[in-house]
Amino acid sequence: MILLWEYAWPLLCAWTPKPANPWRLWVLRRFGATIPGWAFVHPRARIQMPWNVTFEQGACIGDRANLYSIDRIRLGVDCVIAQEVYLCCGTHDFNVPAIPLQTAPINVGARAFVGARAFVLPGVTIGDGAVVGACAVVTKPVAAGARVKGNPAR
């Protein structure tokens, strides 16, 4: 399935203009993404495993945003993931000699905004209405309505 997806997005969607969003949503749904209503996915967004992603009503994914969805990612109602944001569900345990892969889900709340080039680590929840500043590195949960920035975000 991953190999098929690796070819499907570039061939079917990456070249499409922004108004072809309904087509991109249709393709994402065929590959298992949960999209109960309308969402916007930029044609140059990168989604590793769409079957692990849920787009709630009005969720928006910007230009070159990267969803490394090797675990679940849930994007809340009307949230915005700006350009070049990286939502990363995987890391490694460096305390174990084999350095095993560890995954954890990411949840972005309703009406939350994640600014350009922010990096969100595995297991992070961004609360409803929260704002993450551009280039922030989010290592811990962000409370609803909070505004965070910096590295690490605080």
N, C-alpha and C. Protein backbone atom coordinates (compact mmCIF):
# COMPACT_ATOMS: atom_id res chain seq x y z
N MET A 1 0.82 -1.20 0.00
CA MET A 1 0.00 0.00 0.00
C MET A 1 0.87 1.27 0.00
N ILE A 2 1.98 1.24 0.77
CA ILE A 2 2.85 2.40 0.83
C ILE A 2 3.47 2.69 -0.54
N LEU A 3 3.90 1.66 -1.23
CA LEU A 3 4.49 1.85 -2.55
C LEU A 3 3.49 2.45 -3.52
N LEU A 4 2.27 1.95 -3.50
CA LEU A 4 1.22 2.50 -4.36
C LEU A 4 0.97 3.98 -4.04
N TRP A 5 0.91 4.31 -2.75
CA TRP A 5 0.70 5.69 -2.33
C TRP A 5 1.85 6.59 -2.80
N GLU A 6 3.09 6.08 -2.71
CA GLU A 6 4.26 6.86 -3.12
C GLU A 6 4.17 7.32 -4.58
N TYR A 7 3.50 6.54 -5.41
CA TYR A 7 3.32 6.92 -6.81
C TYR A 7 2.02 7.66 -7.05
N ALA A 8 0.99 7.34 -6.28
CA ALA A 8 -0.34 7.92 -6.51
C ALA A 8 -0.36 9.44 -6.29
N TRP A 9 0.17 9.89 -5.16
CA TRP A 9 0.09 11.33 -4.86
C TRP A 9 0.81 12.18 -5.92
N PRO A 10 2.06 11.87 -6.28
CA PRO A 10 2.72 12.69 -7.31
C PRO A 10 2.01 12.63 -8.66
N LEU A 11 1.53 11.46 -9.03
CA LEU A 11 0.89 11.32 -10.34
C LEU A 11 -0.51 11.92 -10.39
N LEU A 12 -1.27 11.78 -9.30
CA LEU A 12 -2.67 12.18 -9.32
C LEU A 12 -2.96 13.54 -8.70
N CYS A 13 -2.08 14.00 -7.81
CA CYS A 13 -2.44 15.18 -7.02
C CYS A 13 -1.41 16.30 -6.96
N ALA A 14 -0.14 15.99 -6.88
CA ALA A 14 0.88 17.01 -6.60
C ALA A 14 0.92 18.12 -7.65
N TRP A 15 0.51 17.85 -8.84
CA TRP A 15 0.54 18.82 -9.94
C TRP A 15 -0.77 19.61 -10.07
N THR A 16 -1.78 19.25 -9.31
CA THR A 16 -3.11 19.86 -9.50
C THR A 16 -3.16 21.28 -8.94
N PRO A 17 -3.98 22.15 -9.53
CA PRO A 17 -4.13 23.51 -8.99
C PRO A 17 -4.95 23.48 -7.70
N LYS A 18 -4.85 24.55 -6.92
CA LYS A 18 -5.59 24.60 -5.65
C LYS A 18 -7.08 24.31 -5.79
N PRO A 19 -7.77 24.82 -6.83
CA PRO A 19 -9.21 24.53 -6.94
C PRO A 19 -9.54 23.05 -7.13
N ALA A 20 -8.55 22.21 -7.41
CA ALA A 20 -8.80 20.77 -7.56
C ALA A 20 -8.79 20.05 -6.21
N ASN A 21 -8.95 20.79 -5.13
CA ASN A 21 -8.96 20.20 -3.79
C ASN A 21 -9.96 19.06 -3.65
N PRO A 22 -11.19 19.16 -4.18
CA PRO A 22 -12.11 18.01 -4.04
C PRO A 22 -11.52 16.72 -4.62
N TRP A 23 -10.79 16.82 -5.70
CA TRP A 23 -10.13 15.65 -6.28
C TRP A 23 -9.09 15.08 -5.32
N ARG A 24 -8.28 15.97 -4.71
CA ARG A 24 -7.25 15.50 -3.77
C ARG A 24 -7.91 14.82 -2.56
N LEU A 25 -9.01 15.38 -2.08
CA LEU A 25 -9.71 14.76 -0.95
C LEU A 25 -10.25 13.40 -1.34
N TRP A 26 -10.75 13.28 -2.56
CA TRP A 26 -11.26 12.00 -3.04
C TRP A 26 -10.13 10.97 -3.06
N VAL A 27 -8.96 11.35 -3.57
CA VAL A 27 -7.82 10.43 -3.60
C VAL A 27 -7.41 10.04 -2.18
N LEU A 28 -7.32 11.01 -1.28
CA LEU A 28 -6.97 10.71 0.11
C LEU A 28 -7.96 9.74 0.74
N ARG A 29 -9.24 9.94 0.49
CA ARG A 29 -10.25 9.02 1.02
C ARG A 29 -10.07 7.61 0.47
N ARG A 30 -9.74 7.50 -0.81
CA ARG A 30 -9.51 6.18 -1.41
C ARG A 30 -8.34 5.47 -0.73
N PHE A 31 -7.40 6.24 -0.20
CA PHE A 31 -6.24 5.65 0.48
C PHE A 31 -6.45 5.59 2.00
N GLY A 32 -7.68 5.75 2.45
CA GLY A 32 -8.01 5.50 3.85
C GLY A 32 -8.02 6.68 4.78
N ALA A 33 -7.75 7.89 4.29
CA ALA A 33 -7.84 9.06 5.17
C ALA A 33 -9.29 9.24 5.61
N THR A 34 -9.47 9.65 6.85
CA THR A 34 -10.82 9.93 7.37
C THR A 34 -11.09 11.41 7.19
N ILE A 35 -12.04 11.72 6.32
CA ILE A 35 -12.39 13.11 6.03
C ILE A 35 -13.92 13.17 6.01
N PRO A 36 -14.55 13.40 7.18
CA PRO A 36 -16.02 13.35 7.23
C PRO A 36 -16.72 14.51 6.51
N GLY A 37 -16.03 15.60 6.30
CA GLY A 37 -16.64 16.75 5.64
C GLY A 37 -15.68 17.34 4.63
N TRP A 38 -15.51 18.65 4.73
CA TRP A 38 -14.62 19.37 3.82
C TRP A 38 -13.32 19.69 4.55
N ALA A 39 -12.22 19.62 3.86
CA ALA A 39 -10.91 20.02 4.37
C ALA A 39 -10.14 20.58 3.18
N PHE A 40 -9.00 21.21 3.44
CA PHE A 40 -8.15 21.67 2.35
C PHE A 40 -6.76 21.07 2.52
N VAL A 41 -6.26 20.45 1.46
CA VAL A 41 -4.91 19.89 1.45
C VAL A 41 -4.19 20.47 0.25
N HIS A 42 -3.13 21.22 0.52
CA HIS A 42 -2.36 21.82 -0.57
C HIS A 42 -1.77 20.72 -1.44
N PRO A 43 -1.69 20.93 -2.75
CA PRO A 43 -1.15 19.88 -3.62
C PRO A 43 0.29 19.49 -3.31
N ARG A 44 1.08 20.41 -2.73
CA ARG A 44 2.47 20.07 -2.42
C ARG A 44 2.66 19.61 -0.97
N ALA A 45 1.55 19.37 -0.26
CA ALA A 45 1.67 18.77 1.08
C ALA A 45 2.17 17.34 0.93
N ARG A 46 2.85 16.85 1.96
CA ARG A 46 3.37 15.49 1.94
C ARG A 46 2.77 14.72 3.11
N ILE A 47 2.14 13.61 2.78
CA ILE A 47 1.49 12.78 3.80
C ILE A 47 2.04 11.37 3.67
N GLN A 48 2.69 10.89 4.72
CA GLN A 48 3.37 9.59 4.66
C GLN A 48 2.38 8.44 4.51
N MET A 49 1.39 8.35 5.39
CA MET A 49 0.42 7.26 5.39
C MET A 49 -0.96 7.86 5.61
N PRO A 50 -1.69 8.16 4.54
CA PRO A 50 -2.98 8.84 4.70
C PRO A 50 -3.99 8.06 5.52
N TRP A 51 -3.88 6.74 5.56
CA TRP A 51 -4.81 5.93 6.33
C TRP A 51 -4.68 6.17 7.83
N ASN A 52 -3.65 6.88 8.27
CA ASN A 52 -3.48 7.22 9.69
C ASN A 52 -3.91 8.65 10.01
N VAL A 53 -4.51 9.36 9.05
CA VAL A 53 -4.83 10.78 9.26
C VAL A 53 -6.34 11.00 9.23
N THR A 54 -6.79 11.81 10.20
CA THR A 54 -8.19 12.24 10.25
C THR A 54 -8.22 13.75 10.09
N PHE A 55 -8.94 14.22 9.08
CA PHE A 55 -9.13 15.65 8.83
C PHE A 55 -10.55 15.99 9.24
N GLU A 56 -10.74 16.74 10.31
CA GLU A 56 -12.09 17.17 10.69
C GLU A 56 -12.52 18.31 9.76
N GLN A 57 -13.78 18.68 9.85
CA GLN A 57 -14.37 19.71 8.99
C GLN A 57 -13.53 20.99 9.00
N GLY A 58 -13.10 21.43 7.82
CA GLY A 58 -12.40 22.70 7.67
C GLY A 58 -10.92 22.68 8.00
N ALA A 59 -10.36 21.54 8.32
CA ALA A 59 -8.91 21.47 8.59
C ALA A 59 -8.15 21.85 7.32
N CYS A 60 -7.07 22.60 7.47
CA CYS A 60 -6.28 23.06 6.32
C CYS A 60 -4.81 22.69 6.48
N ILE A 61 -4.24 22.14 5.40
CA ILE A 61 -2.84 21.76 5.37
C ILE A 61 -2.14 22.60 4.32
N GLY A 62 -1.11 23.33 4.70
CA GLY A 62 -0.45 24.28 3.81
C GLY A 62 0.61 23.68 2.91
N ASP A 63 1.16 24.56 2.10
CA ASP A 63 2.18 24.22 1.10
C ASP A 63 3.40 23.57 1.76
N ARG A 64 3.76 22.41 1.28
CA ARG A 64 4.91 21.64 1.74
C ARG A 64 4.86 21.24 3.21
N ALA A 65 3.67 21.28 3.81
CA ALA A 65 3.53 20.72 5.16
C ALA A 65 3.79 19.22 5.06
N ASN A 66 4.38 18.66 6.12
CA ASN A 66 4.77 17.26 6.10
C ASN A 66 4.11 16.54 7.26
N LEU A 67 3.25 15.57 6.96
CA LEU A 67 2.60 14.76 7.98
C LEU A 67 3.27 13.39 7.97
N TYR A 68 4.22 13.20 8.88
CA TYR A 68 4.91 11.91 8.98
C TYR A 68 4.04 11.02 9.86
N SER A 69 3.01 10.47 9.24
CA SER A 69 1.91 9.81 9.94
C SER A 69 2.14 8.31 10.09
N ILE A 70 3.26 7.92 10.71
CA ILE A 70 3.47 6.51 10.99
C ILE A 70 2.69 6.09 12.23
N ASP A 71 2.00 7.03 12.86
CA ASP A 71 1.00 6.80 13.90
C ASP A 71 -0.15 7.73 13.55
N ARG A 72 -1.17 7.77 14.37
CA ARG A 72 -2.36 8.56 14.07
C ARG A 72 -2.10 10.06 14.18
N ILE A 73 -2.66 10.83 13.26
CA ILE A 73 -2.69 12.29 13.34
C ILE A 73 -4.15 12.69 13.19
N ARG A 74 -4.63 13.49 14.15
CA ARG A 74 -6.00 14.02 14.06
C ARG A 74 -5.92 15.53 13.99
N LEU A 75 -6.53 16.08 12.95
CA LEU A 75 -6.55 17.53 12.74
C LEU A 75 -7.97 18.02 13.01
N GLY A 76 -8.12 18.86 14.03
CA GLY A 76 -9.42 19.30 14.49
C GLY A 76 -10.13 20.25 13.55
N VAL A 77 -11.36 20.53 13.89
CA VAL A 77 -12.22 21.41 13.10
C VAL A 77 -11.56 22.77 12.90
N ASP A 78 -11.50 23.21 11.66
CA ASP A 78 -10.98 24.54 11.29
C ASP A 78 -9.56 24.83 11.77
N CYS A 79 -8.76 23.81 12.03
CA CYS A 79 -7.36 24.07 12.40
C CYS A 79 -6.57 24.39 11.13
N VAL A 80 -5.45 25.06 11.32
CA VAL A 80 -4.59 25.43 10.19
C VAL A 80 -3.17 24.93 10.48
N ILE A 81 -2.67 24.13 9.55
CA ILE A 81 -1.28 23.69 9.58
C ILE A 81 -0.60 24.46 8.46
N ALA A 82 0.21 25.45 8.82
CA ALA A 82 0.79 26.37 7.83
C ALA A 82 1.87 25.69 7.00
N GLN A 83 2.46 26.47 6.08
CA GLN A 83 3.44 25.93 5.15
C GLN A 83 4.68 25.41 5.88
N GLU A 84 5.16 24.28 5.38
CA GLU A 84 6.38 23.63 5.83
C GLU A 84 6.38 23.18 7.29
N VAL A 85 5.20 23.08 7.89
CA VAL A 85 5.11 22.50 9.24
C VAL A 85 5.43 21.02 9.14
N TYR A 86 6.07 20.47 10.17
CA TYR A 86 6.39 19.05 10.21
C TYR A 86 5.71 18.44 11.43
N LEU A 87 4.72 17.58 11.19
CA LEU A 87 4.07 16.82 12.26
C LEU A 87 4.69 15.43 12.23
N CYS A 88 5.50 15.11 13.24
CA CYS A 88 6.32 13.90 13.23
C CYS A 88 5.86 12.92 14.31
N CYS A 89 5.30 11.80 13.89
CA CYS A 89 4.81 10.79 14.83
C CYS A 89 5.85 9.74 15.22
N GLY A 90 7.08 9.87 14.74
CA GLY A 90 8.07 8.85 15.04
C GLY A 90 9.38 9.41 15.57
N THR A 91 10.01 8.63 16.42
CA THR A 91 11.33 8.95 16.94
C THR A 91 12.01 7.64 17.31
N HIS A 92 13.15 7.70 17.97
CA HIS A 92 13.87 6.50 18.38
C HIS A 92 14.25 6.61 19.84
N ASP A 93 14.31 5.47 20.52
CA ASP A 93 14.73 5.42 21.91
C ASP A 93 16.24 5.23 21.94
N PHE A 94 16.96 6.29 22.20
CA PHE A 94 18.42 6.26 22.19
C PHE A 94 19.01 5.68 23.47
N ASN A 95 18.15 5.35 24.45
CA ASN A 95 18.62 4.72 25.69
C ASN A 95 18.75 3.21 25.57
N VAL A 96 18.29 2.67 24.45
CA VAL A 96 18.36 1.23 24.20
C VAL A 96 19.37 1.00 23.07
N PRO A 97 20.29 0.07 23.23
CA PRO A 97 21.33 -0.12 22.21
C PRO A 97 20.80 -0.34 20.79
N ALA A 98 19.66 -0.99 20.63
CA ALA A 98 19.12 -1.24 19.30
C ALA A 98 18.46 0.00 18.69
N ILE A 99 18.29 1.06 19.48
CA ILE A 99 17.66 2.32 19.06
C ILE A 99 16.32 2.05 18.35
N PRO A 100 15.36 1.42 19.04
CA PRO A 100 14.10 1.05 18.40
C PRO A 100 13.23 2.26 18.06
N LEU A 101 12.44 2.07 17.02
CA LEU A 101 11.47 3.10 16.61
C LEU A 101 10.38 3.20 17.67
N GLN A 102 9.99 4.42 17.99
CA GLN A 102 8.86 4.68 18.86
C GLN A 102 7.91 5.61 18.13
N THR A 103 6.62 5.32 18.23
CA THR A 103 5.64 6.18 17.61
C THR A 103 4.62 6.62 18.64
N ALA A 104 3.97 7.74 18.39
CA ALA A 104 2.90 8.23 19.24
C ALA A 104 2.04 9.18 18.40
N PRO A 105 0.75 9.23 18.67
CA PRO A 105 -0.15 10.07 17.87
C PRO A 105 0.03 11.55 18.16
N ILE A 106 -0.42 12.36 17.21
CA ILE A 106 -0.46 13.82 17.36
C ILE A 106 -1.90 14.26 17.17
N ASN A 107 -2.35 15.14 18.06
CA ASN A 107 -3.69 15.70 17.97
C ASN A 107 -3.61 17.22 17.93
N VAL A 108 -4.26 17.80 16.92
CA VAL A 108 -4.33 19.26 16.81
C VAL A 108 -5.79 19.64 17.01
N GLY A 109 -6.06 20.50 17.98
CA GLY A 109 -7.42 20.84 18.36
C GLY A 109 -8.12 21.76 17.37
N ALA A 110 -9.40 21.93 17.63
CA ALA A 110 -10.24 22.80 16.80
C ALA A 110 -9.72 24.23 16.83
N ARG A 111 -9.70 24.86 15.67
CA ARG A 111 -9.30 26.26 15.48
C ARG A 111 -7.89 26.56 15.97
N ALA A 112 -7.06 25.54 16.12
CA ALA A 112 -5.65 25.75 16.47
C ALA A 112 -4.90 26.20 15.22
N PHE A 113 -3.81 26.90 15.43
CA PHE A 113 -2.97 27.37 14.32
C PHE A 113 -1.53 26.97 14.61
N VAL A 114 -0.92 26.28 13.66
CA VAL A 114 0.48 25.89 13.78
C VAL A 114 1.25 26.66 12.71
N GLY A 115 2.13 27.56 13.15
CA GLY A 115 2.83 28.48 12.25
C GLY A 115 3.88 27.82 11.38
N ALA A 116 4.27 28.55 10.35
CA ALA A 116 5.20 28.07 9.33
C ALA A 116 6.46 27.47 9.95
N ARG A 117 6.86 26.34 9.41
CA ARG A 117 8.09 25.62 9.77
C ARG A 117 8.16 25.16 11.22
N ALA A 118 7.03 25.13 11.91
CA ALA A 118 7.04 24.57 13.26
C ALA A 118 7.25 23.07 13.16
N PHE A 119 7.80 22.48 14.22
CA PHE A 119 8.05 21.04 14.28
C PHE A 119 7.34 20.51 15.51
N VAL A 120 6.45 19.54 15.33
CA VAL A 120 5.67 18.96 16.42
C VAL A 120 6.11 17.52 16.62
N LEU A 121 6.55 17.20 17.83
CA LEU A 121 7.09 15.88 18.15
C LEU A 121 5.98 14.86 18.44
N PRO A 122 6.33 13.57 18.43
CA PRO A 122 5.35 12.51 18.68
C PRO A 122 4.69 12.66 20.05
N GLY A 123 3.41 12.31 20.10
CA GLY A 123 2.67 12.30 21.35
C GLY A 123 2.15 13.65 21.81
N VAL A 124 2.35 14.69 21.03
CA VAL A 124 1.94 16.04 21.42
C VAL A 124 0.47 16.28 21.07
N THR A 125 -0.23 16.94 21.98
CA THR A 125 -1.58 17.42 21.73
C THR A 125 -1.54 18.94 21.77
N ILE A 126 -2.08 19.56 20.73
CA ILE A 126 -2.20 21.02 20.68
C ILE A 126 -3.67 21.31 20.91
N GLY A 127 -3.97 22.04 21.99
CA GLY A 127 -5.34 22.25 22.41
C GLY A 127 -6.15 23.15 21.48
N ASP A 128 -7.45 23.14 21.67
CA ASP A 128 -8.37 23.97 20.89
C ASP A 128 -7.97 25.44 20.98
N GLY A 129 -7.91 26.10 19.84
CA GLY A 129 -7.64 27.52 19.79
C GLY A 129 -6.21 27.93 20.12
N ALA A 130 -5.32 26.98 20.29
CA ALA A 130 -3.93 27.30 20.60
C ALA A 130 -3.22 27.83 19.35
N VAL A 131 -2.18 28.62 19.59
CA VAL A 131 -1.37 29.16 18.49
C VAL A 131 0.08 28.76 18.75
N VAL A 132 0.67 28.13 17.74
CA VAL A 132 2.09 27.75 17.80
C VAL A 132 2.83 28.66 16.83
N GLY A 133 3.81 29.39 17.32
CA GLY A 133 4.54 30.34 16.50
C GLY A 133 5.40 29.68 15.44
N ALA A 134 5.74 30.47 14.44
CA ALA A 134 6.59 29.98 13.34
C ALA A 134 7.91 29.47 13.89
N CYS A 135 8.38 28.39 13.34
CA CYS A 135 9.67 27.77 13.66
C CYS A 135 9.75 27.23 15.09
N ALA A 136 8.64 27.13 15.80
CA ALA A 136 8.65 26.58 17.15
C ALA A 136 8.90 25.08 17.09
N VAL A 137 9.49 24.54 18.15
CA VAL A 137 9.67 23.10 18.30
C VAL A 137 8.81 22.68 19.49
N VAL A 138 7.72 21.97 19.20
CA VAL A 138 6.74 21.63 20.23
C VAL A 138 7.06 20.24 20.77
N THR A 139 7.51 20.20 22.01
CA THR A 139 7.94 18.95 22.64
C THR A 139 6.95 18.46 23.69
N LYS A 140 6.04 19.32 24.12
CA LYS A 140 5.08 19.00 25.19
C LYS A 140 3.69 19.46 24.78
N PRO A 141 2.65 18.96 25.45
CA PRO A 141 1.30 19.40 25.11
C PRO A 141 1.14 20.91 25.24
N VAL A 142 0.30 21.47 24.38
CA VAL A 142 -0.02 22.89 24.39
C VAL A 142 -1.47 23.03 24.85
N ALA A 143 -1.70 23.78 25.91
CA ALA A 143 -3.04 23.93 26.46
C ALA A 143 -3.96 24.66 25.50
N ALA A 144 -5.25 24.41 25.65
CA ALA A 144 -6.25 25.11 24.85
C ALA A 144 -6.09 26.61 25.04
N GLY A 145 -6.11 27.35 23.94
CA GLY A 145 -6.01 28.81 23.98
C GLY A 145 -4.62 29.36 24.24
N ALA A 146 -3.64 28.52 24.47
CA ALA A 146 -2.28 28.99 24.76
C ALA A 146 -1.60 29.48 23.48
N ARG A 147 -0.60 30.32 23.67
CA ARG A 147 0.25 30.79 22.58
C ARG A 147 1.67 30.45 22.94
N VAL A 148 2.34 29.68 22.08
CA VAL A 148 3.70 29.26 22.37
C VAL A 148 4.60 29.58 21.18
N LYS A 149 5.89 29.72 21.49
CA LYS A 149 6.89 29.99 20.45
C LYS A 149 8.23 29.54 20.97
N GLY A 150 9.21 29.44 20.06
CA GLY A 150 10.57 29.15 20.44
C GLY A 150 10.94 27.68 20.40
N ASN A 151 12.20 27.42 20.85
CA ASN A 151 12.74 26.08 20.86
C ASN A 151 13.40 25.83 22.22
N PRO A 152 12.78 25.04 23.07
CA PRO A 152 11.48 24.39 22.91
C PRO A 152 10.35 25.41 23.09
N ALA A 153 9.21 25.10 22.51
CA ALA A 153 8.06 26.01 22.58
C ALA A 153 7.60 26.17 24.02
N ARG A 154 7.39 27.43 24.40
CA ARG A 154 6.82 27.73 25.74
C ARG A 154 6.09 29.05 25.70
